[in-house]
Amino acid sequence: MTAAATTATPTKEQFFQQLEQIFRVTSPNGVEFEMSLVEFNDIVDSDTQETFSLLFKAPSETDPEQTTYTVSNDGIGEQLIFMAPVKKDDSGLYFEAIYNRLKQ
């Protein structure tokens, strides 16, 4: 884990601003590839909690591994994000990340 990956998690607004942007990704075993953020879903937004999901599209040949990836782009910096593969089609392999946090 790098020092940059330990910075505060971006807000849902910051992630939303990254829709259709490219992210550089490194798997735990060092494989590097790119993904694009293709979907943002606001699941819960109450006085006490916010839950949202992110859907990333990777190249079709990407290993469908559920794990924590190092993900970076200019908008959010470098983050550790736990993602799971959720579907595959002719255009790519899709990974989902779900955030659930209490509001302060």
C-alpha atoms as a PDB file:
ATOM      1  CA  MET A   1       0.000   0.000   0.000  1.00  0.00           C
ATOM      2  CA  THR A   2       1.350   3.406  -0.890  1.00  0.00           C
ATOM      3  CA  ALA A   3       0.986   6.511   1.243  1.00  0.00           C
ATOM      4  CA  ALA A   4      -1.229   8.099  -1.410  1.00  0.00           C
ATOM      5  CA  ALA A   5      -3.649   5.174  -1.222  1.00  0.00           C
ATOM      6  CA  THR A   6      -4.277   5.889   2.450  1.00  0.00           C
ATOM      7  CA  THR A   7      -5.789   9.336   1.855  1.00  0.00           C
ATOM      8  CA  ALA A   8      -9.428  10.038   2.633  1.00  0.00           C
ATOM      9  CA  THR A   9     -11.984   8.238   0.511  1.00  0.00           C
ATOM     10  CA  PRO A  10     -13.507  10.516  -2.120  1.00  0.00           C
ATOM     11  CA  THR A  11     -17.065  11.676  -1.570  1.00  0.00           C
ATOM     12  CA  LYS A  12     -19.890  10.402  -3.717  1.00  0.00           C
ATOM     13  CA  GLU A  13     -19.929  13.797  -5.463  1.00  0.00           C
ATOM     14  CA  GLN A  14     -16.239  13.426  -6.319  1.00  0.00           C
ATOM     15  CA  PHE A  15     -16.859   9.951  -7.745  1.00  0.00           C
ATOM     16  CA  PHE A  16     -19.894  11.203  -9.688  1.00  0.00           C
ATOM     17  CA  GLN A  17     -17.690  13.853 -11.321  1.00  0.00           C
ATOM     18  CA  GLN A  18     -15.476  11.031 -12.632  1.00  0.00           C
ATOM     19  CA  LEU A  19     -18.196   9.325 -14.720  1.00  0.00           C
ATOM     20  CA  GLU A  20     -16.826   8.236 -18.115  1.00  0.00           C
ATOM     21  CA  GLN A  21     -13.266   8.941 -16.959  1.00  0.00           C
ATOM     22  CA  ILE A  22     -10.357   6.502 -17.252  1.00  0.00           C
ATOM     23  CA  PHE A  23      -8.741   4.981 -14.155  1.00  0.00           C
ATOM     24  CA  ARG A  24      -5.356   3.290 -13.913  1.00  0.00           C
ATOM     25  CA  VAL A  25      -5.697   0.031 -11.986  1.00  0.00           C
ATOM     26  CA  THR A  26      -3.194  -2.340 -10.401  1.00  0.00           C
ATOM     27  CA  SER A  27      -4.221  -5.749  -9.066  1.00  0.00           C
ATOM     28  CA  PRO A  28      -2.625  -7.197  -5.910  1.00  0.00           C
ATOM     29  CA  ASN A  29      -0.356  -9.379  -8.091  1.00  0.00           C
ATOM     30  CA  GLY A  30       0.920  -6.337 -10.023  1.00  0.00           C
ATOM     31  CA  VAL A  31      -1.122  -6.602 -13.227  1.00  0.00           C
ATOM     32  CA  GLU A  32      -1.848  -3.111 -14.591  1.00  0.00           C
ATOM     33  CA  PHE A  33      -4.801  -2.154 -16.801  1.00  0.00           C
ATOM     34  CA  GLU A  34      -7.320   0.636 -17.339  1.00  0.00           C
ATOM     35  CA  MET A  35     -11.003   0.861 -16.443  1.00  0.00           C
ATOM     36  CA  SER A  36     -13.633   3.484 -17.071  1.00  0.00           C
ATOM     37  CA  LEU A  37     -16.317   4.501 -14.587  1.00  0.00           C
ATOM     38  CA  VAL A  38     -19.507   3.817 -16.533  1.00  0.00           C
ATOM     39  CA  GLU A  39     -22.246   4.025 -13.917  1.00  0.00           C
ATOM     40  CA  PHE A  40     -22.984   5.684 -10.569  1.00  0.00           C
ATOM     41  CA  ASN A  41     -26.018   4.632  -8.497  1.00  0.00           C
ATOM     42  CA  ASP A  42     -27.225   6.477  -5.404  1.00  0.00           C
ATOM     43  CA  ILE A  43     -28.750   3.702  -3.267  1.00  0.00           C
ATOM     44  CA  VAL A  44     -29.450   5.340   0.130  1.00  0.00           C
ATOM     45  CA  ASP A  45     -29.147   8.981   1.101  1.00  0.00           C
ATOM     46  CA  SER A  46     -30.643   9.687   4.519  1.00  0.00           C
ATOM     47  CA  ASP A  47     -29.788  11.972   7.423  1.00  0.00           C
ATOM     48  CA  THR A  48     -27.512   9.310   8.884  1.00  0.00           C
ATOM     49  CA  GLN A  49     -26.266   7.157   6.013  1.00  0.00           C
ATOM     50  CA  GLU A  50     -25.212   7.241   2.378  1.00  0.00           C
ATOM     51  CA  THR A  51     -24.819   4.214   0.153  1.00  0.00           C
ATOM     52  CA  PHE A  52     -23.810   4.280  -3.495  1.00  0.00           C
ATOM     53  CA  SER A  53     -22.367   1.936  -6.078  1.00  0.00           C
ATOM     54  CA  LEU A  54     -19.840   2.414  -8.854  1.00  0.00           C
ATOM     55  CA  LEU A  55     -19.679   0.297 -12.003  1.00  0.00           C
ATOM     56  CA  PHE A  56     -16.339   0.142 -13.806  1.00  0.00           C
ATOM     57  CA  LYS A  57     -15.680  -1.398 -17.228  1.00  0.00           C
ATOM     58  CA  ALA A  58     -12.368  -3.181 -17.820  1.00  0.00           C
ATOM     59  CA  PRO A  59     -11.056  -4.924 -20.937  1.00  0.00           C
ATOM     60  CA  SER A  60     -12.728  -8.292 -21.625  1.00  0.00           C
ATOM     61  CA  GLU A  61      -9.492 -10.202 -21.053  1.00  0.00           C
ATOM     62  CA  THR A  62      -9.148  -8.895 -17.460  1.00  0.00           C
ATOM     63  CA  ASP A  63      -9.108 -11.616 -14.790  1.00  0.00           C
ATOM     64  CA  PRO A  64     -12.491 -11.618 -13.004  1.00  0.00           C
ATOM     65  CA  GLU A  65     -10.984 -11.398  -9.526  1.00  0.00           C
ATOM     66  CA  GLN A  66     -12.894 -10.089  -6.505  1.00  0.00           C
ATOM     67  CA  THR A  67     -10.235  -8.193  -4.571  1.00  0.00           C
ATOM     68  CA  THR A  68      -8.898  -4.814  -3.480  1.00  0.00           C
ATOM     69  CA  TYR A  69      -7.366  -2.900  -6.373  1.00  0.00           C
ATOM     70  CA  THR A  70      -5.162   0.185  -6.382  1.00  0.00           C
ATOM     71  CA  VAL A  71      -7.109   2.652  -8.513  1.00  0.00           C
ATOM     72  CA  SER A  72      -6.037   6.131  -9.573  1.00  0.00           C
ATOM     73  CA  ASN A  73      -6.904   9.031 -11.808  1.00  0.00           C
ATOM     74  CA  ASP A  74      -6.334  12.775 -11.727  1.00  0.00           C
ATOM     75  CA  GLY A  75      -9.725  13.473 -10.133  1.00  0.00           C
ATOM     76  CA  ILE A  76      -9.536  11.235  -7.044  1.00  0.00           C
ATOM     77  CA  GLY A  77      -5.843  10.485  -6.734  1.00  0.00           C
ATOM     78  CA  GLU A  78      -4.844   6.972  -5.696  1.00  0.00           C
ATOM     79  CA  GLN A  79      -7.297   4.814  -3.730  1.00  0.00           C
ATOM     80  CA  LEU A  80      -7.673   1.234  -2.597  1.00  0.00           C
ATOM     81  CA  ILE A  81     -11.070  -0.007  -3.791  1.00  0.00           C
ATOM     82  CA  PHE A  82     -12.619  -3.421  -3.150  1.00  0.00           C
ATOM     83  CA  MET A  83     -14.403  -4.533  -6.320  1.00  0.00           C
ATOM     84  CA  ALA A  84     -16.179  -7.632  -7.539  1.00  0.00           C
ATOM     85  CA  PRO A  85     -16.844  -8.697 -11.133  1.00  0.00           C
ATOM     86  CA  VAL A  86     -20.580  -8.539 -11.843  1.00  0.00           C
ATOM     87  CA  LYS A  87     -21.026  -9.103 -15.585  1.00  0.00           C
ATOM     88  CA  LYS A  88     -19.237  -9.563 -18.885  1.00  0.00           C
ATOM     89  CA  ASP A  89     -20.330  -8.714 -22.411  1.00  0.00           C
ATOM     90  CA  ASP A  90     -18.725  -8.074 -25.797  1.00  0.00           C
ATOM     91  CA  SER A  91     -17.473  -4.655 -24.703  1.00  0.00           C
ATOM     92  CA  GLY A  92     -15.790  -5.623 -21.437  1.00  0.00           C
ATOM     93  CA  LEU A  93     -15.765  -7.041 -17.927  1.00  0.00           C
ATOM     94  CA  TYR A  94     -17.668  -5.002 -15.339  1.00  0.00           C
ATOM     95  CA  PHE A  95     -16.661  -4.547 -11.709  1.00  0.00           C
ATOM     96  CA  GLU A  96     -18.817  -3.079  -8.949  1.00  0.00           C
ATOM     97  CA  ALA A  97     -17.732  -1.225  -5.820  1.00  0.00           C
ATOM     98  CA  ILE A  98     -20.267  -0.396  -3.104  1.00  0.00           C
ATOM     99  CA  TYR A  99     -19.749   2.325  -0.522  1.00  0.00           C
ATOM    100  CA  ASN A 100     -21.785   2.453   2.680  1.00  0.00           C
ATOM    101  CA  ARG A 101     -20.944   5.100   5.242  1.00  0.00           C
ATOM    102  CA  LEU A 102     -22.425   6.929   8.171  1.00  0.00           C
ATOM    103  CA  LYS A 103     -22.805  10.672   7.899  1.00  0.00           C
ATOM    104  CA  GLN A 104     -21.297  12.762  10.637  1.00  0.00           C
END
